[in-house]
N, C-alpha and C. Protein backbone atom coordinates (compact mmCIF):
# COMPACT_ATOMS: atom_id res chain seq x y z
N MET A 1 64.31 109.18 108.20
CA MET A 1 65.25 108.39 107.41
C MET A 1 66.38 107.82 108.26
N ILE A 2 67.04 108.70 109.04
CA ILE A 2 68.15 108.30 109.90
C ILE A 2 67.76 108.51 111.35
N ASN A 3 68.00 107.50 112.16
CA ASN A 3 67.74 107.61 113.59
C ASN A 3 68.98 107.14 114.35
N VAL A 4 69.62 108.07 115.03
CA VAL A 4 70.82 107.78 115.83
C VAL A 4 70.40 107.76 117.29
N THR A 5 70.69 106.66 117.99
CA THR A 5 70.21 106.49 119.36
C THR A 5 71.36 106.13 120.29
N ASP A 6 71.58 106.99 121.29
CA ASP A 6 72.56 106.76 122.36
C ASP A 6 73.90 106.28 121.81
N LEU A 7 74.41 107.04 120.83
CA LEU A 7 75.62 106.63 120.11
C LEU A 7 76.87 107.04 120.88
N HIS A 8 77.73 106.07 121.13
CA HIS A 8 79.01 106.31 121.79
C HIS A 8 80.13 105.83 120.89
N LYS A 9 81.24 106.56 120.93
CA LYS A 9 82.44 106.14 120.21
C LYS A 9 83.67 106.54 121.00
N SER A 10 84.51 105.57 121.29
CA SER A 10 85.78 105.82 121.95
C SER A 10 86.90 105.26 121.09
N PHE A 11 88.04 105.92 121.14
CA PHE A 11 89.23 105.44 120.44
C PHE A 11 90.24 104.96 121.48
N SER A 12 90.81 103.79 121.25
CA SER A 12 91.77 103.21 122.18
C SER A 12 93.14 103.85 121.98
N MET A 13 93.63 104.47 123.04
CA MET A 13 94.98 105.02 123.05
C MET A 13 95.89 103.99 123.72
N SER A 14 97.14 104.33 123.92
CA SER A 14 98.08 103.34 124.44
C SER A 14 97.73 102.90 125.86
N THR A 15 97.24 103.83 126.69
CA THR A 15 96.97 103.48 128.09
C THR A 15 95.54 103.79 128.53
N TYR A 16 94.72 104.31 127.62
CA TYR A 16 93.36 104.67 128.02
C TYR A 16 92.48 104.76 126.78
N ASP A 17 91.16 104.82 127.00
CA ASP A 17 90.20 105.02 125.92
C ASP A 17 89.78 106.49 125.88
N LEU A 18 89.79 107.06 124.68
CA LEU A 18 89.42 108.47 124.50
C LEU A 18 87.99 108.54 123.99
N PRO A 19 87.03 109.00 124.82
CA PRO A 19 85.64 109.11 124.34
C PRO A 19 85.48 110.32 123.42
N VAL A 20 84.88 110.09 122.25
CA VAL A 20 84.66 111.17 121.28
C VAL A 20 83.17 111.47 121.14
N LEU A 21 82.35 110.44 121.06
CA LEU A 21 80.89 110.61 121.08
C LEU A 21 80.38 110.03 122.39
N LYS A 22 79.49 110.78 123.09
CA LYS A 22 79.15 110.45 124.47
C LYS A 22 77.64 110.26 124.67
N GLY A 23 76.98 109.77 123.65
CA GLY A 23 75.54 109.53 123.78
C GLY A 23 74.73 110.41 122.85
N ILE A 24 74.99 110.30 121.55
CA ILE A 24 74.33 111.13 120.55
C ILE A 24 72.94 110.59 120.23
N ASN A 25 71.97 111.48 120.21
CA ASN A 25 70.63 111.16 119.73
C ASN A 25 70.27 112.17 118.64
N LEU A 26 69.89 111.67 117.47
CA LEU A 26 69.62 112.56 116.33
C LEU A 26 68.70 111.87 115.35
N GLU A 27 67.74 112.62 114.83
CA GLU A 27 66.89 112.14 113.75
C GLU A 27 67.09 113.04 112.53
N VAL A 28 67.15 112.43 111.36
CA VAL A 28 67.23 113.16 110.09
C VAL A 28 66.06 112.72 109.24
N GLN A 29 65.24 113.67 108.83
CA GLN A 29 64.06 113.37 108.01
C GLN A 29 64.43 113.32 106.54
N ARG A 30 63.71 112.53 105.79
CA ARG A 30 63.94 112.43 104.34
C ARG A 30 63.77 113.80 103.69
N GLY A 31 64.72 114.17 102.85
CA GLY A 31 64.64 115.43 102.12
C GLY A 31 65.19 116.62 102.87
N GLU A 32 65.66 116.43 104.11
CA GLU A 32 66.21 117.55 104.86
C GLU A 32 67.57 117.97 104.31
N PHE A 33 67.91 119.22 104.61
CA PHE A 33 69.22 119.78 104.26
C PHE A 33 69.74 120.40 105.55
N ILE A 34 70.57 119.65 106.27
CA ILE A 34 70.94 120.10 107.61
C ILE A 34 72.45 120.29 107.74
N ALA A 35 72.82 121.15 108.67
CA ALA A 35 74.23 121.41 108.99
C ALA A 35 74.52 120.90 110.39
N ILE A 36 75.69 120.30 110.55
CA ILE A 36 76.21 119.94 111.87
C ILE A 36 77.40 120.85 112.14
N VAL A 37 77.31 121.61 113.23
CA VAL A 37 78.35 122.60 113.52
C VAL A 37 78.89 122.38 114.93
N GLY A 38 80.05 122.94 115.19
CA GLY A 38 80.68 122.82 116.50
C GLY A 38 82.18 123.01 116.37
N ALA A 39 82.84 123.20 117.49
CA ALA A 39 84.28 123.41 117.49
C ALA A 39 85.01 122.16 117.03
N SER A 40 86.25 122.33 116.62
CA SER A 40 87.09 121.18 116.28
C SER A 40 87.18 120.25 117.48
N GLY A 41 87.05 118.95 117.23
CA GLY A 41 87.09 117.99 118.32
C GLY A 41 85.76 117.69 118.94
N ALA A 42 84.68 118.31 118.44
CA ALA A 42 83.36 118.07 119.01
C ALA A 42 82.80 116.71 118.64
N GLY A 43 83.35 116.09 117.60
CA GLY A 43 82.88 114.77 117.18
C GLY A 43 82.05 114.78 115.92
N LYS A 44 82.02 115.89 115.21
CA LYS A 44 81.16 116.04 114.02
C LYS A 44 81.53 115.04 112.93
N SER A 45 82.81 114.99 112.58
CA SER A 45 83.23 114.09 111.50
C SER A 45 83.08 112.64 111.91
N THR A 46 83.36 112.34 113.17
CA THR A 46 83.19 110.96 113.65
C THR A 46 81.74 110.53 113.52
N LEU A 47 80.82 111.40 113.89
CA LEU A 47 79.39 111.10 113.75
C LEU A 47 79.04 110.85 112.29
N LEU A 48 79.54 111.71 111.40
CA LEU A 48 79.24 111.56 109.98
C LEU A 48 79.77 110.23 109.45
N HIS A 49 80.98 109.88 109.84
CA HIS A 49 81.59 108.64 109.36
C HIS A 49 80.82 107.42 109.85
N ILE A 50 80.31 107.48 111.07
CA ILE A 50 79.54 106.34 111.58
C ILE A 50 78.19 106.23 110.87
N ILE A 51 77.53 107.36 110.64
CA ILE A 51 76.27 107.31 109.89
C ILE A 51 76.50 106.68 108.52
N GLY A 52 77.65 106.97 107.91
CA GLY A 52 77.97 106.43 106.60
C GLY A 52 78.62 105.06 106.62
N THR A 53 78.69 104.44 107.79
CA THR A 53 79.31 103.11 108.00
C THR A 53 80.79 103.08 107.60
N LEU A 54 81.45 104.23 107.61
CA LEU A 54 82.89 104.26 107.39
C LEU A 54 83.64 103.95 108.69
N ASP A 55 82.93 104.01 109.80
CA ASP A 55 83.49 103.68 111.10
C ASP A 55 82.39 103.00 111.92
N LYS A 56 82.78 102.33 112.98
CA LYS A 56 81.82 101.61 113.81
C LYS A 56 81.68 102.29 115.17
N PRO A 57 80.48 102.29 115.74
CA PRO A 57 80.31 102.86 117.08
C PRO A 57 80.82 101.89 118.15
N THR A 58 81.12 102.44 119.30
CA THR A 58 81.43 101.60 120.46
C THR A 58 80.13 100.99 121.01
N SER A 59 79.07 101.80 121.02
CA SER A 59 77.75 101.32 121.41
C SER A 59 76.71 102.27 120.83
N GLY A 60 75.44 101.84 120.90
CA GLY A 60 74.36 102.64 120.32
C GLY A 60 73.96 102.12 118.95
N THR A 61 72.94 102.73 118.37
CA THR A 61 72.42 102.26 117.09
C THR A 61 72.28 103.40 116.08
N VAL A 62 72.40 103.03 114.82
CA VAL A 62 72.08 103.92 113.70
C VAL A 62 71.15 103.15 112.77
N THR A 63 69.94 103.62 112.60
CA THR A 63 69.02 102.97 111.67
C THR A 63 68.80 103.84 110.45
N PHE A 64 68.69 103.19 109.31
CA PHE A 64 68.49 103.85 108.02
C PHE A 64 67.22 103.24 107.44
N ASP A 65 66.16 104.04 107.38
CA ASP A 65 64.84 103.53 106.97
C ASP A 65 64.46 102.29 107.78
N GLY A 66 64.72 102.35 109.09
CA GLY A 66 64.32 101.28 109.99
C GLY A 66 65.28 100.12 110.07
N GLN A 67 66.34 100.13 109.28
CA GLN A 67 67.31 99.03 109.25
C GLN A 67 68.54 99.40 110.08
N ASP A 68 68.86 98.58 111.08
CA ASP A 68 70.02 98.83 111.93
C ASP A 68 71.29 98.55 111.12
N LEU A 69 72.04 99.62 110.82
CA LEU A 69 73.19 99.48 109.93
C LEU A 69 74.27 98.58 110.50
N PHE A 70 74.39 98.52 111.82
CA PHE A 70 75.49 97.76 112.39
C PHE A 70 75.07 96.36 112.82
N GLN A 71 73.88 95.95 112.38
CA GLN A 71 73.50 94.55 112.42
C GLN A 71 73.72 93.89 111.06
N LEU A 72 74.14 94.67 110.08
CA LEU A 72 74.43 94.16 108.75
C LEU A 72 75.84 93.59 108.68
N THR A 73 76.07 92.69 107.74
CA THR A 73 77.43 92.22 107.49
C THR A 73 78.23 93.33 106.80
N GLU A 74 79.53 93.19 106.76
CA GLU A 74 80.36 94.20 106.09
C GLU A 74 80.00 94.30 104.61
N THR A 75 79.67 93.18 103.99
CA THR A 75 79.26 93.19 102.59
C THR A 75 77.97 93.97 102.41
N GLN A 76 77.02 93.76 103.31
CA GLN A 76 75.75 94.48 103.24
C GLN A 76 75.95 95.97 103.51
N GLN A 77 76.83 96.31 104.44
CA GLN A 77 77.14 97.72 104.69
C GLN A 77 77.75 98.36 103.45
N ALA A 78 78.65 97.65 102.78
CA ALA A 78 79.27 98.17 101.57
C ALA A 78 78.22 98.42 100.49
N GLU A 79 77.23 97.54 100.41
CA GLU A 79 76.15 97.72 99.43
C GLU A 79 75.36 98.99 99.73
N VAL A 80 75.08 99.24 101.01
CA VAL A 80 74.39 100.47 101.40
C VAL A 80 75.22 101.69 101.01
N ARG A 81 76.52 101.66 101.34
CA ARG A 81 77.40 102.78 101.00
C ARG A 81 77.44 103.03 99.51
N ASN A 82 77.52 101.97 98.74
CA ASN A 82 77.71 102.10 97.30
C ASN A 82 76.45 102.50 96.55
N THR A 83 75.29 102.24 97.12
CA THR A 83 74.06 102.47 96.37
C THR A 83 73.13 103.51 96.99
N ARG A 84 73.24 103.75 98.30
CA ARG A 84 72.26 104.62 98.95
C ARG A 84 72.86 105.86 99.60
N ILE A 85 74.20 105.90 99.72
CA ILE A 85 74.85 107.03 100.38
C ILE A 85 75.94 107.58 99.47
N GLY A 86 75.95 108.91 99.31
CA GLY A 86 77.02 109.59 98.59
C GLY A 86 77.88 110.37 99.57
N PHE A 87 79.17 110.48 99.28
CA PHE A 87 80.09 111.17 100.18
C PHE A 87 80.80 112.31 99.45
N VAL A 88 80.91 113.45 100.13
CA VAL A 88 81.72 114.57 99.65
C VAL A 88 82.61 114.99 100.82
N PHE A 89 83.92 115.01 100.59
CA PHE A 89 84.86 115.33 101.66
C PHE A 89 85.52 116.68 101.40
N GLN A 90 86.25 117.17 102.41
CA GLN A 90 86.95 118.45 102.27
C GLN A 90 87.96 118.38 101.13
N PHE A 91 88.64 117.24 101.02
CA PHE A 91 89.56 117.01 99.91
C PHE A 91 88.83 116.13 98.90
N HIS A 92 88.82 116.56 97.65
CA HIS A 92 87.94 115.95 96.65
C HIS A 92 88.25 114.48 96.35
N HIS A 93 89.50 114.05 96.55
CA HIS A 93 89.89 112.66 96.32
C HIS A 93 89.59 112.19 94.90
N LEU A 94 89.75 113.07 93.93
CA LEU A 94 89.61 112.66 92.53
C LEU A 94 90.87 111.93 92.10
N LEU A 95 90.71 111.02 91.15
CA LEU A 95 91.86 110.29 90.62
C LEU A 95 92.52 111.14 89.54
N PRO A 96 93.77 111.55 89.73
CA PRO A 96 94.38 112.56 88.87
C PRO A 96 94.56 112.13 87.42
N GLU A 97 94.65 110.81 87.18
CA GLU A 97 94.90 110.35 85.82
C GLU A 97 93.62 110.21 85.00
N PHE A 98 92.47 110.42 85.62
CA PHE A 98 91.18 110.28 84.93
C PHE A 98 90.51 111.63 84.73
N THR A 99 89.68 111.71 83.70
CA THR A 99 88.96 112.95 83.40
C THR A 99 87.81 113.16 84.38
N ALA A 100 87.22 114.34 84.31
CA ALA A 100 86.05 114.62 85.13
C ALA A 100 84.94 113.61 84.86
N LEU A 101 84.76 113.28 83.59
CA LEU A 101 83.73 112.31 83.19
C LEU A 101 84.00 110.94 83.81
N GLU A 102 85.25 110.51 83.76
CA GLU A 102 85.61 109.20 84.30
C GLU A 102 85.53 109.18 85.83
N ASN A 103 85.95 110.28 86.47
CA ASN A 103 85.87 110.36 87.92
C ASN A 103 84.42 110.33 88.40
N ALA A 104 83.56 111.07 87.73
CA ALA A 104 82.15 111.13 88.13
C ALA A 104 81.48 109.77 87.99
N GLY A 105 81.85 109.03 86.96
CA GLY A 105 81.22 107.75 86.71
C GLY A 105 81.81 106.58 87.47
N MET A 106 82.92 106.82 88.19
CA MET A 106 83.65 105.72 88.82
C MET A 106 82.80 104.84 89.75
N PRO A 107 81.95 105.40 90.63
CA PRO A 107 81.17 104.52 91.53
C PRO A 107 80.29 103.52 90.77
N ALA A 108 79.73 103.95 89.65
CA ALA A 108 78.88 103.06 88.87
C ALA A 108 79.70 102.04 88.10
N LEU A 109 80.88 102.45 87.62
CA LEU A 109 81.74 101.51 86.91
C LEU A 109 82.24 100.41 87.85
N VAL A 110 82.53 100.78 89.10
CA VAL A 110 82.94 99.79 90.10
C VAL A 110 81.84 98.77 90.33
N GLN A 111 80.59 99.22 90.21
CA GLN A 111 79.44 98.33 90.37
C GLN A 111 79.15 97.55 89.08
N ARG A 112 79.99 97.75 88.06
CA ARG A 112 79.91 97.04 86.78
C ARG A 112 78.62 97.33 86.03
N ARG A 113 78.15 98.57 86.14
CA ARG A 113 77.03 98.99 85.31
C ARG A 113 77.49 99.17 83.87
N ASP A 114 76.55 99.14 82.94
CA ASP A 114 76.87 99.29 81.52
C ASP A 114 77.62 100.60 81.28
N ALA A 115 78.77 100.52 80.60
CA ALA A 115 79.65 101.67 80.44
C ALA A 115 78.97 102.81 79.69
N ALA A 116 78.20 102.49 78.65
CA ALA A 116 77.53 103.53 77.87
C ALA A 116 76.50 104.26 78.71
N ALA A 117 75.75 103.51 79.52
CA ALA A 117 74.75 104.12 80.39
C ALA A 117 75.41 104.98 81.46
N VAL A 118 76.52 104.50 81.99
CA VAL A 118 77.26 105.27 83.00
C VAL A 118 77.75 106.58 82.41
N GLU A 119 78.29 106.52 81.21
CA GLU A 119 78.78 107.75 80.58
C GLU A 119 77.65 108.75 80.36
N ALA A 120 76.51 108.27 79.92
CA ALA A 120 75.37 109.16 79.70
C ALA A 120 74.93 109.81 81.01
N ASP A 121 74.88 109.03 82.08
CA ASP A 121 74.50 109.57 83.39
C ASP A 121 75.53 110.58 83.88
N ALA A 122 76.81 110.27 83.68
CA ALA A 122 77.87 111.16 84.15
C ALA A 122 77.85 112.48 83.39
N VAL A 123 77.61 112.41 82.08
CA VAL A 123 77.50 113.64 81.28
C VAL A 123 76.35 114.50 81.80
N ALA A 124 75.21 113.87 82.08
CA ALA A 124 74.05 114.60 82.56
C ALA A 124 74.33 115.24 83.92
N LEU A 125 74.98 114.51 84.80
CA LEU A 125 75.28 115.04 86.13
C LEU A 125 76.28 116.20 86.06
N LEU A 126 77.34 116.02 85.28
CA LEU A 126 78.34 117.08 85.19
C LEU A 126 77.75 118.32 84.53
N THR A 127 76.86 118.12 83.59
CA THR A 127 76.17 119.27 83.00
C THR A 127 75.30 119.95 84.04
N GLU A 128 74.63 119.16 84.86
CA GLU A 128 73.75 119.71 85.91
C GLU A 128 74.54 120.54 86.92
N VAL A 129 75.79 120.14 87.19
CA VAL A 129 76.59 120.89 88.16
C VAL A 129 77.45 121.95 87.48
N GLY A 130 77.19 122.23 86.22
CA GLY A 130 77.84 123.33 85.52
C GLY A 130 79.16 123.02 84.87
N LEU A 131 79.43 121.73 84.63
CA LEU A 131 80.71 121.34 84.04
C LEU A 131 80.55 120.66 82.69
N GLY A 132 79.48 120.98 81.99
CA GLY A 132 79.22 120.35 80.70
C GLY A 132 80.31 120.57 79.67
N LYS A 133 81.08 121.66 79.84
CA LYS A 133 82.15 121.95 78.88
C LYS A 133 83.53 121.53 79.41
N ARG A 134 83.53 120.83 80.54
CA ARG A 134 84.81 120.44 81.15
C ARG A 134 84.90 118.93 81.33
N LEU A 135 84.11 118.19 80.56
CA LEU A 135 84.00 116.75 80.74
C LEU A 135 85.32 116.01 80.63
N HIS A 136 86.16 116.45 79.71
CA HIS A 136 87.37 115.69 79.39
C HIS A 136 88.63 116.33 80.00
N HIS A 137 88.42 117.23 80.96
CA HIS A 137 89.55 117.81 81.68
C HIS A 137 89.89 116.95 82.89
N LYS A 138 91.17 116.81 83.15
CA LYS A 138 91.62 116.08 84.32
C LYS A 138 91.65 117.03 85.53
N PRO A 139 91.67 116.49 86.76
CA PRO A 139 91.61 117.34 87.95
C PRO A 139 92.63 118.47 87.95
N GLY A 140 93.84 118.20 87.48
CA GLY A 140 94.87 119.24 87.46
C GLY A 140 94.55 120.40 86.55
N GLU A 141 93.59 120.21 85.65
CA GLU A 141 93.18 121.27 84.72
C GLU A 141 91.93 121.99 85.19
N LEU A 142 91.45 121.66 86.40
CA LEU A 142 90.23 122.25 86.94
C LEU A 142 90.56 123.09 88.17
N SER A 143 89.75 124.11 88.42
CA SER A 143 89.90 124.90 89.64
C SER A 143 89.44 124.08 90.85
N GLY A 144 89.73 124.58 92.05
CA GLY A 144 89.30 123.88 93.25
C GLY A 144 87.79 123.72 93.32
N GLY A 145 87.07 124.78 92.95
CA GLY A 145 85.62 124.70 92.95
C GLY A 145 85.09 123.71 91.94
N GLU A 146 85.74 123.67 90.77
CA GLU A 146 85.33 122.71 89.75
C GLU A 146 85.61 121.28 90.20
N GLN A 147 86.73 121.07 90.85
CA GLN A 147 87.05 119.73 91.34
C GLN A 147 86.00 119.26 92.35
N GLN A 148 85.56 120.17 93.23
CA GLN A 148 84.54 119.79 94.20
C GLN A 148 83.20 119.54 93.52
N ARG A 149 82.92 120.21 92.43
CA ARG A 149 81.69 119.95 91.68
C ARG A 149 81.74 118.54 91.06
N VAL A 150 82.91 118.14 90.61
CA VAL A 150 83.06 116.76 90.12
C VAL A 150 82.80 115.79 91.27
N ALA A 151 83.33 116.11 92.46
CA ALA A 151 83.11 115.25 93.62
C ALA A 151 81.63 115.15 93.98
N VAL A 152 80.90 116.25 93.85
CA VAL A 152 79.45 116.23 94.10
C VAL A 152 78.75 115.35 93.06
N ALA A 153 79.14 115.51 91.80
CA ALA A 153 78.55 114.67 90.74
C ALA A 153 78.83 113.20 91.01
N ARG A 154 80.06 112.89 91.43
CA ARG A 154 80.41 111.51 91.75
C ARG A 154 79.54 110.99 92.90
N ALA A 155 79.31 111.83 93.91
CA ALA A 155 78.50 111.42 95.06
C ALA A 155 77.06 111.12 94.65
N LEU A 156 76.58 111.77 93.59
CA LEU A 156 75.20 111.60 93.15
C LEU A 156 75.04 110.52 92.08
N MET A 157 76.15 109.93 91.65
CA MET A 157 76.14 109.03 90.50
C MET A 157 75.20 107.85 90.69
N GLN A 158 75.13 107.32 91.90
CA GLN A 158 74.30 106.14 92.15
C GLN A 158 72.88 106.51 92.63
N LYS A 159 72.53 107.77 92.43
CA LYS A 159 71.21 108.28 92.86
C LYS A 159 70.95 107.94 94.33
N PRO A 160 71.84 108.38 95.22
CA PRO A 160 71.70 108.03 96.64
C PRO A 160 70.52 108.73 97.29
N ASP A 161 70.04 108.14 98.37
CA ASP A 161 69.01 108.78 99.17
C ASP A 161 69.60 109.85 100.07
N LEU A 162 70.87 109.67 100.42
CA LEU A 162 71.53 110.51 101.42
C LEU A 162 72.92 110.90 100.94
N VAL A 163 73.27 112.18 101.09
CA VAL A 163 74.63 112.64 100.83
C VAL A 163 75.20 113.18 102.13
N LEU A 164 76.38 112.68 102.52
CA LEU A 164 77.10 113.13 103.70
C LEU A 164 78.30 113.96 103.22
N ALA A 165 78.36 115.20 103.66
CA ALA A 165 79.42 116.11 103.20
C ALA A 165 80.19 116.63 104.39
N ASP A 166 81.50 116.38 104.42
CA ASP A 166 82.35 116.77 105.54
C ASP A 166 83.22 117.95 105.14
N GLU A 167 82.86 119.14 105.60
CA GLU A 167 83.58 120.37 105.26
C GLU A 167 83.81 120.51 103.75
N PRO A 168 82.76 120.40 102.93
CA PRO A 168 82.96 120.39 101.48
C PRO A 168 83.49 121.70 100.92
N THR A 169 83.32 122.80 101.67
CA THR A 169 83.81 124.10 101.18
C THR A 169 85.08 124.53 101.90
N GLY A 170 85.64 123.65 102.74
CA GLY A 170 86.75 124.04 103.61
C GLY A 170 88.00 124.49 102.88
N ASN A 171 88.23 123.98 101.68
CA ASN A 171 89.45 124.34 100.94
C ASN A 171 89.17 125.31 99.80
N LEU A 172 87.99 125.91 99.79
CA LEU A 172 87.61 126.80 98.69
C LEU A 172 87.59 128.25 99.14
N ASP A 173 87.82 129.15 98.18
CA ASP A 173 87.66 130.57 98.49
C ASP A 173 86.18 130.88 98.71
N THR A 174 85.90 132.06 99.22
CA THR A 174 84.52 132.41 99.61
C THR A 174 83.55 132.27 98.45
N HIS A 175 83.91 132.78 97.29
CA HIS A 175 83.00 132.74 96.14
C HIS A 175 82.73 131.30 95.71
N SER A 176 83.79 130.50 95.60
CA SER A 176 83.62 129.11 95.17
C SER A 176 82.85 128.30 96.21
N GLY A 177 83.12 128.57 97.50
CA GLY A 177 82.40 127.88 98.56
C GLY A 177 80.92 128.20 98.55
N ASP A 178 80.60 129.49 98.37
CA ASP A 178 79.19 129.89 98.31
C ASP A 178 78.49 129.23 97.12
N ALA A 179 79.18 129.18 95.98
CA ALA A 179 78.60 128.60 94.77
C ALA A 179 78.36 127.11 94.95
N LEU A 180 79.33 126.40 95.57
CA LEU A 180 79.17 124.97 95.79
C LEU A 180 78.02 124.69 96.74
N PHE A 181 77.93 125.48 97.80
CA PHE A 181 76.86 125.28 98.77
C PHE A 181 75.50 125.53 98.11
N GLY A 182 75.43 126.58 97.29
CA GLY A 182 74.19 126.85 96.57
C GLY A 182 73.82 125.72 95.64
N LEU A 183 74.83 125.12 95.01
CA LEU A 183 74.59 123.99 94.12
C LEU A 183 73.99 122.82 94.90
N MET A 184 74.56 122.50 96.05
CA MET A 184 74.04 121.39 96.84
C MET A 184 72.62 121.67 97.31
N ARG A 185 72.35 122.92 97.66
CA ARG A 185 71.00 123.29 98.06
C ARG A 185 70.02 123.10 96.90
N ASP A 186 70.43 123.51 95.72
CA ASP A 186 69.57 123.35 94.53
C ASP A 186 69.32 121.87 94.24
N LEU A 187 70.35 121.04 94.39
CA LEU A 187 70.19 119.60 94.15
C LEU A 187 69.27 118.98 95.19
N ASN A 188 69.36 119.45 96.42
CA ASN A 188 68.46 118.98 97.47
C ASN A 188 67.01 119.27 97.11
N LYS A 189 66.76 120.47 96.60
CA LYS A 189 65.39 120.86 96.26
C LYS A 189 64.89 120.15 95.01
N SER A 190 65.74 120.05 94.00
CA SER A 190 65.28 119.50 92.72
C SER A 190 65.18 117.98 92.75
N ARG A 191 66.06 117.32 93.53
CA ARG A 191 66.10 115.86 93.55
C ARG A 191 65.45 115.25 94.80
N GLY A 192 65.29 116.07 95.84
CA GLY A 192 64.78 115.54 97.09
C GLY A 192 65.80 114.74 97.87
N THR A 193 67.08 114.84 97.47
CA THR A 193 68.15 114.11 98.15
C THR A 193 68.41 114.74 99.51
N THR A 194 68.55 113.92 100.53
CA THR A 194 68.85 114.39 101.88
C THR A 194 70.34 114.72 101.98
N PHE A 195 70.65 115.89 102.54
CA PHE A 195 72.04 116.30 102.73
C PHE A 195 72.30 116.53 104.21
N VAL A 196 73.38 115.94 104.73
CA VAL A 196 73.88 116.23 106.08
C VAL A 196 75.30 116.76 105.91
N ILE A 197 75.51 118.01 106.31
CA ILE A 197 76.76 118.70 106.00
C ILE A 197 77.44 119.17 107.28
N VAL A 198 78.67 118.74 107.49
CA VAL A 198 79.50 119.27 108.56
C VAL A 198 80.20 120.51 108.04
N THR A 199 80.09 121.62 108.78
CA THR A 199 80.72 122.86 108.33
C THR A 199 81.08 123.74 109.51
N HIS A 200 82.15 124.51 109.34
CA HIS A 200 82.52 125.54 110.31
C HIS A 200 82.01 126.91 109.86
N ASN A 201 81.41 126.97 108.69
CA ASN A 201 81.02 128.24 108.09
C ASN A 201 79.61 128.63 108.56
N ASP A 202 79.54 129.59 109.50
CA ASP A 202 78.24 129.99 110.05
C ASP A 202 77.33 130.58 108.97
N LYS A 203 77.92 131.34 108.06
CA LYS A 203 77.12 131.96 107.00
C LYS A 203 76.41 130.90 106.18
N LEU A 204 77.09 129.83 105.86
CA LEU A 204 76.48 128.76 105.06
C LEU A 204 75.50 127.94 105.89
N SER A 205 75.84 127.67 107.15
CA SER A 205 74.96 126.83 107.96
C SER A 205 73.59 127.48 108.15
N PHE A 206 73.54 128.82 108.16
CA PHE A 206 72.26 129.50 108.34
C PHE A 206 71.36 129.38 107.12
N GLN A 207 71.88 128.82 106.03
CA GLN A 207 71.06 128.63 104.82
C GLN A 207 70.43 127.23 104.79
N THR A 208 70.66 126.43 105.81
CA THR A 208 70.13 125.07 105.83
C THR A 208 68.76 125.04 106.49
N ASP A 209 68.10 123.89 106.42
CA ASP A 209 66.79 123.74 107.06
C ASP A 209 66.92 123.72 108.58
N ARG A 210 68.03 123.18 109.07
CA ARG A 210 68.18 122.98 110.52
C ARG A 210 69.66 122.90 110.84
N ILE A 211 70.03 123.47 111.99
CA ILE A 211 71.42 123.43 112.45
C ILE A 211 71.48 122.56 113.69
N VAL A 212 72.36 121.55 113.65
CA VAL A 212 72.60 120.68 114.80
C VAL A 212 73.93 121.11 115.42
N HIS A 213 73.89 121.57 116.66
CA HIS A 213 75.09 122.02 117.35
C HIS A 213 75.67 120.88 118.18
N MET A 214 76.97 120.63 118.02
CA MET A 214 77.66 119.63 118.83
C MET A 214 78.72 120.28 119.69
N GLN A 215 78.90 119.72 120.88
CA GLN A 215 79.93 120.19 121.80
C GLN A 215 80.37 119.03 122.68
N ASP A 216 81.66 118.79 122.73
CA ASP A 216 82.23 117.75 123.58
C ASP A 216 81.53 116.40 123.42
N GLY A 217 81.27 116.01 122.17
CA GLY A 217 80.73 114.69 121.91
C GLY A 217 79.24 114.53 122.11
N LEU A 218 78.54 115.66 122.27
CA LEU A 218 77.09 115.62 122.48
C LEU A 218 76.40 116.61 121.55
N VAL A 219 75.15 116.31 121.20
CA VAL A 219 74.30 117.29 120.53
C VAL A 219 73.70 118.18 121.60
N ILE A 220 73.93 119.48 121.48
CA ILE A 220 73.42 120.41 122.49
C ILE A 220 72.27 121.26 121.98
């Protein structure tokens, strides 16, 4: 599904360029559930952001089902992000003034899908992630684990082929983190959705299909 070839990324500082990715090569198969691990500063989040077209590489290629993502226009990249890739971040980024139902359905509403159909899909997703009785609660009325479950439902709203998760359990207690990780694993199995997860949690990474170790901007 994903093929990363000789990927480099440098950030321009005031007097020099700081290399973060130094020639990454990685393949992700459809339906995989993989963890990317490594010390802080290894380049894990940068790699994830580039795969999701949230950032651009300095050089190298990322292909998604054979399509070079960085040969697309910005509009075409946005279409890929909005329809084929779901994102879950360490901070849930829910809109505080909207309910769980409204937050989960937001990606589809932005795409101007029929509101009634969006609501039905959002109810089904929130029920699937265990929040069927919390549909009309706002983020401030939900626990941290519940908020991240809403974020997972939102990521799945457009039925993406790929979900990219950056430290999704980083702000959760052990029990909530384990439960969220188990939920994502169950969704991977039941839906066949590919998950690529950046995590510092060794216990959780050992539950994935494959662990990709990064160090100093390289896959080792």
